[in-house]
């Protein structure tokens, strides 16, 4: 697990938004469909994906449940959702670290 610390709130929002969108798209869901599955408003999904507002722990848990993953997986930097197997399980892989230069 990556133990890197956040530099600021903006970075945390960016990672969360990227992971939610990647998982949502891997499951071929629209934002309104994700909102319906999570039991939250479309506006809440929009704000989180566009990094306009911070997500609460409850919202992250609801989104994770709808995406069939653990909440911590949505907060892990460099996580990319790659495929869904026949059982509907999403398999992740970590992106390599960027090399300086």
Protein backbone atom coordinates (compact mmCIF):
# COMPACT_ATOMS: atom_id res chain seq x y z
CA UNK A 1 0.00 0.00 0.00
CA UNK A 2 1.24 3.46 -0.86
CA UNK A 3 2.07 5.45 2.29
CA UNK A 4 2.73 8.73 0.50
CA UNK A 5 1.27 11.72 2.29
CA UNK A 6 -0.99 14.29 0.70
CA UNK A 7 0.55 17.62 -0.18
CA UNK A 8 -2.77 19.43 0.05
CA UNK A 9 -6.54 19.03 -0.15
CA UNK A 10 -6.54 19.61 -3.90
CA UNK A 11 -4.37 16.54 -4.46
CA UNK A 12 -6.68 14.37 -2.34
CA UNK A 13 -9.74 15.58 -4.25
CA UNK A 14 -7.99 14.89 -7.56
CA UNK A 15 -7.09 11.29 -6.61
CA UNK A 16 -10.61 10.62 -5.32
CA UNK A 17 -12.21 12.07 -8.47
CA UNK A 18 -9.92 10.12 -10.81
CA UNK A 19 -10.54 6.84 -9.02
CA UNK A 20 -14.31 7.30 -8.89
CA UNK A 21 -14.46 8.17 -12.60
CA UNK A 22 -12.17 5.28 -13.57
CA UNK A 23 -14.24 2.76 -11.64
CA UNK A 24 -17.54 4.24 -12.83
CA UNK A 25 -16.42 4.11 -16.46
CA UNK A 26 -15.05 0.57 -16.03
CA UNK A 27 -18.51 -0.48 -14.88
CA UNK A 28 -20.03 1.43 -17.82
CA UNK A 29 -22.09 3.67 -15.51
CA UNK A 30 -23.11 7.27 -16.00
CA UNK A 31 -22.82 9.71 -13.10
CA UNK A 32 -26.61 9.72 -12.58
CA UNK A 33 -26.64 5.90 -12.54
CA UNK A 34 -23.85 5.87 -9.94
CA UNK A 35 -25.79 8.39 -7.85
CA UNK A 36 -28.87 6.17 -7.97
CA UNK A 37 -26.89 3.07 -6.94
CA UNK A 38 -25.16 4.99 -4.13
CA UNK A 39 -28.40 6.54 -2.90
CA UNK A 40 -27.07 10.09 -3.24
CA UNK A 41 -27.90 13.02 -5.48
CA UNK A 42 -26.44 13.49 -8.96
CA UNK A 43 -25.16 16.85 -7.75
CA UNK A 44 -23.02 15.20 -5.07
CA UNK A 45 -21.39 12.92 -7.65
CA UNK A 46 -20.87 15.88 -9.98
CA UNK A 47 -19.22 17.99 -7.26
CA UNK A 48 -16.85 15.18 -6.22
CA UNK A 49 -15.89 14.19 -9.78
CA UNK A 50 -15.29 17.83 -10.73
CA UNK A 51 -13.38 18.46 -7.47
CA UNK A 52 -15.70 21.31 -6.52
CA UNK A 53 -16.41 20.05 -2.99
CA UNK A 54 -14.87 17.64 -0.53
CA UNK A 55 -16.59 14.33 0.01
CA UNK A 56 -17.64 13.19 3.46
CA UNK A 57 -16.66 9.78 4.78
CA UNK A 58 -20.30 8.72 4.44
CA UNK A 59 -20.40 9.80 0.78
CA UNK A 60 -17.13 7.99 0.00
CA UNK A 61 -18.50 4.84 1.67
CA UNK A 62 -21.78 5.05 -0.30
CA UNK A 63 -19.93 5.53 -3.60
CA UNK A 64 -17.52 2.68 -2.81
CA UNK A 65 -20.43 0.38 -1.99
CA UNK A 66 -22.11 1.26 -5.30
CA UNK A 67 -18.85 0.64 -7.16
CA UNK A 68 -18.31 -2.65 -5.26
CA UNK A 69 -14.98 -1.69 -3.74
CA UNK A 70 -13.59 -0.60 -0.39
CA UNK A 71 -13.57 3.12 0.47
CA UNK A 72 -9.77 3.18 0.89
CA UNK A 73 -9.38 2.03 -2.70
CA UNK A 74 -10.92 5.30 -3.88
CA UNK A 75 -8.26 7.27 -1.98
CA UNK A 76 -5.20 5.37 -3.14
CA UNK A 77 -2.96 7.41 -5.49
CA UNK A 78 -2.02 5.89 -8.84
CA UNK A 79 -4.80 3.29 -8.78
CA UNK A 80 -6.27 2.44 -12.17
CA UNK A 81 -9.31 0.25 -12.69
CA UNK A 82 -8.52 -2.03 -15.59
CA UNK A 83 -11.13 -4.70 -16.10
CA UNK A 84 -14.15 -6.51 -14.70
CA UNK A 85 -14.14 -10.31 -14.68
CA UNK A 86 -17.16 -12.56 -15.31
CA UNK A 87 -18.08 -12.50 -11.63
CA UNK A 88 -18.32 -8.70 -11.77
CA UNK A 89 -15.13 -8.17 -9.76
CA UNK A 90 -13.06 -5.15 -10.73
CA UNK A 91 -9.33 -5.83 -10.97
CA UNK A 92 -6.95 -2.94 -10.30
CA UNK A 93 -3.36 -2.25 -11.11
CA UNK A 94 -1.03 0.43 -9.91
CA UNK A 95 0.48 2.88 -12.37
CA UNK A 96 4.27 3.10 -12.27
CA UNK A 97 5.76 6.07 -10.47
CA UNK A 98 6.74 8.96 -12.71
CA UNK A 99 10.46 9.18 -13.28
CA UNK A 100 12.03 12.59 -12.78
CA UNK A 101 13.33 14.22 -15.86
